[in-house]
Amino acid sequence: MPATLEELARSLDRPPGLVRRVAAFLQGNDRPFRELVDPALELLGGVVPAWPLLDRWNDWALANHASFFVWQPHRAGLSDRQRLEVLIHTIMMLAGKERGLADYRNASIAAAEVVMAGDDCVICDTHRHEVVPLSADAPAGLAPFHLGCRCGILPHLD
């Protein structure tokens, strides 16, 4: 799972600036998720990017009989619409994490705590109540932990 928007851009083979523009659009909008997907696609140039990471994740989920609240794996592969929705959700989650981390650092908060979405996920459950120091590599240890992850972070106050 990409830990930052830049890592996500690399996994999509897209310029980081493009992914950041989509993230800024999503963050600056209070419309329901389903109303944001098509305008976000326009910002991406009207084409759902190839995303090999999502294909590998879908295969892993099928092999491990995993299902997720945001999307369900499919044996025949994911439709372009499903791929797009997972991508937009991932951009939103990573942008929210980056914004939260910046706010915490600006407020001199030294650590963040993982907050579970309550989806009973075997991947996320291993991170329940983790406290992660806000070092340079902190994004890798914080939610989202997988594609479609709804977990988040809160400041850890001693």
C-alpha atoms as a PDB file:
ATOM      1  CA  MET A   1       0.000   0.000   0.000  1.00  0.00           C
ATOM      2  CA  PRO A   2       1.407   3.391  -0.895  1.00  0.00           C
ATOM      3  CA  ALA A   3       2.040   5.449   2.249  1.00  0.00           C
ATOM      4  CA  THR A   4       1.972   8.868   0.562  1.00  0.00           C
ATOM      5  CA  LEU A   5       0.408  10.575  -2.434  1.00  0.00           C
ATOM      6  CA  GLU A   6       3.824  10.553  -4.161  1.00  0.00           C
ATOM      7  CA  GLU A   7       4.097   6.794  -3.725  1.00  0.00           C
ATOM      8  CA  LEU A   8       0.579   6.421  -5.071  1.00  0.00           C
ATOM      9  CA  ALA A   9       1.496   8.538  -8.119  1.00  0.00           C
ATOM     10  CA  ARG A  10       4.502   6.282  -8.783  1.00  0.00           C
ATOM     11  CA  SER A  11       2.318   3.155  -8.510  1.00  0.00           C
ATOM     12  CA  LEU A  12      -0.016   4.711 -11.105  1.00  0.00           C
ATOM     13  CA  ASP A  13       2.862   5.939 -13.281  1.00  0.00           C
ATOM     14  CA  ARG A  14       1.351   9.436 -13.087  1.00  0.00           C
ATOM     15  CA  PRO A  15       2.937  12.791 -12.185  1.00  0.00           C
ATOM     16  CA  PRO A  16       2.705  13.533  -8.434  1.00  0.00           C
ATOM     17  CA  GLY A  17       1.307  16.982  -9.268  1.00  0.00           C
ATOM     18  CA  LEU A  18      -1.664  15.395 -11.019  1.00  0.00           C
ATOM     19  CA  VAL A  19      -2.481  13.188  -8.027  1.00  0.00           C
ATOM     20  CA  ARG A  20      -2.093  16.202  -5.711  1.00  0.00           C
ATOM     21  CA  ARG A  21      -4.541  18.210  -7.875  1.00  0.00           C
ATOM     22  CA  VAL A  22      -7.093  15.426  -7.580  1.00  0.00           C
ATOM     23  CA  ALA A  23      -6.475  15.285  -3.820  1.00  0.00           C
ATOM     24  CA  ALA A  24      -6.943  19.054  -3.482  1.00  0.00           C
ATOM     25  CA  PHE A  25     -10.212  18.848  -5.415  1.00  0.00           C
ATOM     26  CA  LEU A  26     -11.468  16.031  -3.194  1.00  0.00           C
ATOM     27  CA  GLN A  27     -10.436  17.745   0.048  1.00  0.00           C
ATOM     28  CA  GLY A  28     -12.008  21.030  -0.954  1.00  0.00           C
ATOM     29  CA  ASN A  29     -15.369  19.473  -1.659  1.00  0.00           C
ATOM     30  CA  ASP A  30     -18.206  18.507   0.656  1.00  0.00           C
ATOM     31  CA  ARG A  31     -20.341  16.622  -1.869  1.00  0.00           C
ATOM     32  CA  PRO A  32     -21.044  12.919  -1.332  1.00  0.00           C
ATOM     33  CA  PHE A  33     -18.359  10.513  -2.530  1.00  0.00           C
ATOM     34  CA  ARG A  34     -20.374   9.239  -5.513  1.00  0.00           C
ATOM     35  CA  GLU A  35     -20.723  12.808  -6.800  1.00  0.00           C
ATOM     36  CA  LEU A  36     -16.953  13.314  -6.687  1.00  0.00           C
ATOM     37  CA  VAL A  37     -15.883  10.277  -8.702  1.00  0.00           C
ATOM     38  CA  ASP A  38     -16.723  11.500 -12.209  1.00  0.00           C
ATOM     39  CA  PRO A  39     -15.218  15.006 -11.763  1.00  0.00           C
ATOM     40  CA  ALA A  40     -12.086  13.361 -10.331  1.00  0.00           C
ATOM     41  CA  LEU A  41     -11.926  11.167 -13.426  1.00  0.00           C
ATOM     42  CA  GLU A  42     -12.006  14.309 -15.568  1.00  0.00           C
ATOM     43  CA  LEU A  43      -9.022  15.661 -13.608  1.00  0.00           C
ATOM     44  CA  LEU A  44      -7.212  12.391 -14.320  1.00  0.00           C
ATOM     45  CA  GLY A  45      -7.669  13.025 -18.052  1.00  0.00           C
ATOM     46  CA  GLY A  46     -10.833  10.971 -18.499  1.00  0.00           C
ATOM     47  CA  VAL A  47      -9.037   7.617 -18.331  1.00  0.00           C
ATOM     48  CA  VAL A  48      -8.884   5.229 -15.397  1.00  0.00           C
ATOM     49  CA  PRO A  49      -5.148   4.621 -14.919  1.00  0.00           C
ATOM     50  CA  ALA A  50      -3.726   1.132 -15.065  1.00  0.00           C
ATOM     51  CA  TRP A  51      -2.924   0.192 -11.494  1.00  0.00           C
ATOM     52  CA  PRO A  52      -1.099  -3.152 -11.191  1.00  0.00           C
ATOM     53  CA  LEU A  53      -1.081  -2.801  -7.381  1.00  0.00           C
ATOM     54  CA  LEU A  54      -4.888  -2.955  -7.338  1.00  0.00           C
ATOM     55  CA  ASP A  55      -4.861  -6.088  -9.505  1.00  0.00           C
ATOM     56  CA  ARG A  56      -2.371  -7.781  -7.148  1.00  0.00           C
ATOM     57  CA  TRP A  57      -4.458  -6.687  -4.149  1.00  0.00           C
ATOM     58  CA  ASN A  58      -7.625  -8.078  -5.728  1.00  0.00           C
ATOM     59  CA  ASP A  59      -5.850 -11.408  -6.356  1.00  0.00           C
ATOM     60  CA  TRP A  60      -4.546 -11.528  -2.761  1.00  0.00           C
ATOM     61  CA  ALA A  61      -8.004 -10.753  -1.355  1.00  0.00           C
ATOM     62  CA  LEU A  62      -9.556 -13.543  -3.435  1.00  0.00           C
ATOM     63  CA  ALA A  63      -6.881 -16.057  -2.426  1.00  0.00           C
ATOM     64  CA  ASN A  64      -7.339 -15.171   1.259  1.00  0.00           C
ATOM     65  CA  HIS A  65     -11.149 -14.976   1.168  1.00  0.00           C
ATOM     66  CA  ALA A  66     -10.966 -11.355   2.323  1.00  0.00           C
ATOM     67  CA  SER A  67     -13.726  -8.844   1.806  1.00  0.00           C
ATOM     68  CA  PHE A  68     -13.804  -5.167   2.572  1.00  0.00           C
ATOM     69  CA  PHE A  69     -16.452  -2.600   3.356  1.00  0.00           C
ATOM     70  CA  VAL A  70     -15.472  -0.224   0.556  1.00  0.00           C
ATOM     71  CA  TRP A  71     -15.170  -2.801  -2.230  1.00  0.00           C
ATOM     72  CA  GLN A  72     -15.394  -6.514  -2.804  1.00  0.00           C
ATOM     73  CA  PRO A  73     -12.772  -8.462  -4.756  1.00  0.00           C
ATOM     74  CA  HIS A  74     -13.908  -9.978  -8.050  1.00  0.00           C
ATOM     75  CA  ARG A  75     -12.699 -13.147  -9.783  1.00  0.00           C
ATOM     76  CA  ALA A  76     -13.233 -11.636 -13.218  1.00  0.00           C
ATOM     77  CA  GLY A  77     -11.287  -8.536 -12.193  1.00  0.00           C
ATOM     78  CA  LEU A  78     -12.570  -5.128 -11.247  1.00  0.00           C
ATOM     79  CA  SER A  79     -14.550  -2.947 -13.636  1.00  0.00           C
ATOM     80  CA  ASP A  80     -13.173   0.458 -14.573  1.00  0.00           C
ATOM     81  CA  ARG A  81     -15.783   2.038 -12.284  1.00  0.00           C
ATOM     82  CA  GLN A  82     -14.723  -0.110  -9.319  1.00  0.00           C
ATOM     83  CA  ARG A  83     -11.055   0.625 -10.032  1.00  0.00           C
ATOM     84  CA  LEU A  84     -11.804   4.333 -10.194  1.00  0.00           C
ATOM     85  CA  GLU A  85     -13.772   4.317  -6.937  1.00  0.00           C
ATOM     86  CA  VAL A  86     -10.986   2.475  -5.084  1.00  0.00           C
ATOM     87  CA  LEU A  87      -8.450   4.928  -6.510  1.00  0.00           C
ATOM     88  CA  ILE A  88     -10.462   8.011  -5.497  1.00  0.00           C
ATOM     89  CA  HIS A  89     -11.036   6.556  -2.019  1.00  0.00           C
ATOM     90  CA  THR A  90      -7.291   5.872  -1.691  1.00  0.00           C
ATOM     91  CA  ILE A  91      -6.403   9.422  -2.760  1.00  0.00           C
ATOM     92  CA  MET A  92      -8.854  10.811  -0.203  1.00  0.00           C
ATOM     93  CA  MET A  93      -7.476   8.648   2.612  1.00  0.00           C
ATOM     94  CA  LEU A  94      -3.818   9.415   1.846  1.00  0.00           C
ATOM     95  CA  ALA A  95      -4.515  13.142   1.514  1.00  0.00           C
ATOM     96  CA  GLY A  96      -6.330  13.108   4.851  1.00  0.00           C
ATOM     97  CA  LYS A  97      -3.408  11.321   6.493  1.00  0.00           C
ATOM     98  CA  GLU A  98      -0.889  13.788   5.079  1.00  0.00           C
ATOM     99  CA  ARG A  99      -3.005  16.759   6.181  1.00  0.00           C
ATOM    100  CA  GLY A 100      -3.393  15.279   9.678  1.00  0.00           C
ATOM    101  CA  LEU A 101       0.323  14.587  10.031  1.00  0.00           C
ATOM    102  CA  ALA A 102       1.189  18.136   8.968  1.00  0.00           C
ATOM    103  CA  ASP A 103      -1.292  19.569  11.476  1.00  0.00           C
ATOM    104  CA  TYR A 104       0.054  17.346  14.267  1.00  0.00           C
ATOM    105  CA  ARG A 105       3.652  18.318  13.545  1.00  0.00           C
ATOM    106  CA  ASN A 106       2.705  22.019  13.434  1.00  0.00           C
ATOM    107  CA  ALA A 107       1.064  21.598  16.850  1.00  0.00           C
ATOM    108  CA  SER A 108       4.214  19.878  18.192  1.00  0.00           C
ATOM    109  CA  ILE A 109       2.408  16.571  18.665  1.00  0.00           C
ATOM    110  CA  ALA A 110       4.995  13.801  18.799  1.00  0.00           C
ATOM    111  CA  ALA A 111       2.910  10.748  17.887  1.00  0.00           C
ATOM    112  CA  ALA A 112      -0.279   9.587  16.193  1.00  0.00           C
ATOM    113  CA  GLU A 113      -2.576   6.716  17.148  1.00  0.00           C
ATOM    114  CA  VAL A 114      -4.270   4.346  14.737  1.00  0.00           C
ATOM    115  CA  VAL A 115      -8.075   4.539  14.853  1.00  0.00           C
ATOM    116  CA  MET A 116      -9.954   1.530  13.555  1.00  0.00           C
ATOM    117  CA  ALA A 117     -12.955   1.853  11.257  1.00  0.00           C
ATOM    118  CA  GLY A 118     -14.564  -1.186  12.831  1.00  0.00           C
ATOM    119  CA  ASP A 119     -14.671  -3.312   9.686  1.00  0.00           C
ATOM    120  CA  ASP A 120     -13.262  -6.423  11.412  1.00  0.00           C
ATOM    121  CA  CYS A 121     -10.330  -6.532   9.016  1.00  0.00           C
ATOM    122  CA  VAL A 122      -7.493  -9.021   9.601  1.00  0.00           C
ATOM    123  CA  ILE A 123      -4.961  -6.555   8.200  1.00  0.00           C
ATOM    124  CA  CYS A 124      -6.065  -3.559  10.230  1.00  0.00           C
ATOM    125  CA  ASP A 125      -6.601  -5.513  13.440  1.00  0.00           C
ATOM    126  CA  THR A 126      -2.841  -6.030  13.721  1.00  0.00           C
ATOM    127  CA  HIS A 127      -2.479  -2.241  14.087  1.00  0.00           C
ATOM    128  CA  ARG A 128      -5.217  -1.709  16.688  1.00  0.00           C
ATOM    129  CA  HIS A 129      -4.249   1.078  19.143  1.00  0.00           C
ATOM    130  CA  GLU A 130      -0.739   1.414  17.720  1.00  0.00           C
ATOM    131  CA  VAL A 131       1.036   4.642  18.593  1.00  0.00           C
ATOM    132  CA  VAL A 132       3.500   5.792  15.946  1.00  0.00           C
ATOM    133  CA  PRO A 133       6.112   8.506  16.578  1.00  0.00           C
ATOM    134  CA  LEU A 134       5.900  11.258  13.960  1.00  0.00           C
ATOM    135  CA  SER A 135       9.346  10.732  12.474  1.00  0.00           C
ATOM    136  CA  ALA A 136      10.106  11.140   8.784  1.00  0.00           C
ATOM    137  CA  ASP A 137       9.059   7.540   8.067  1.00  0.00           C
ATOM    138  CA  ALA A 138       5.816   7.762  10.089  1.00  0.00           C
ATOM    139  CA  PRO A 139       3.462   7.628   7.073  1.00  0.00           C
ATOM    140  CA  ALA A 140       4.441   4.017   6.382  1.00  0.00           C
ATOM    141  CA  GLY A 141       3.260   2.917   9.834  1.00  0.00           C
ATOM    142  CA  LEU A 142      -0.087   4.690   9.773  1.00  0.00           C
ATOM    143  CA  ALA A 143      -3.465   4.010   8.183  1.00  0.00           C
ATOM    144  CA  PRO A 144      -4.602   3.454   5.527  1.00  0.00           C
ATOM    145  CA  PHE A 145      -3.056  -0.019   5.585  1.00  0.00           C
ATOM    146  CA  HIS A 146      -4.553  -1.470   2.416  1.00  0.00           C
ATOM    147  CA  LEU A 147      -6.544  -0.375  -0.610  1.00  0.00           C
ATOM    148  CA  GLY A 148     -10.082   0.381   0.519  1.00  0.00           C
ATOM    149  CA  CYS A 149      -8.966   0.910   4.127  1.00  0.00           C
ATOM    150  CA  ARG A 150     -11.187   3.236   6.169  1.00  0.00           C
ATOM    151  CA  CYS A 151      -8.995   3.397   9.279  1.00  0.00           C
ATOM    152  CA  GLY A 152      -7.457   6.700  10.259  1.00  0.00           C
ATOM    153  CA  ILE A 153      -5.276   8.493  12.755  1.00  0.00           C
ATOM    154  CA  LEU A 154      -5.700  10.755  15.742  1.00  0.00           C
ATOM    155  CA  PRO A 155      -3.101  12.730  17.643  1.00  0.00           C
ATOM    156  CA  HIS A 156      -1.668  10.763  20.554  1.00  0.00           C
ATOM    157  CA  LEU A 157      -1.646  13.020  23.578  1.00  0.00           C
ATOM    158  CA  ASP A 158       0.321  11.882  26.634  1.00  0.00           C
END
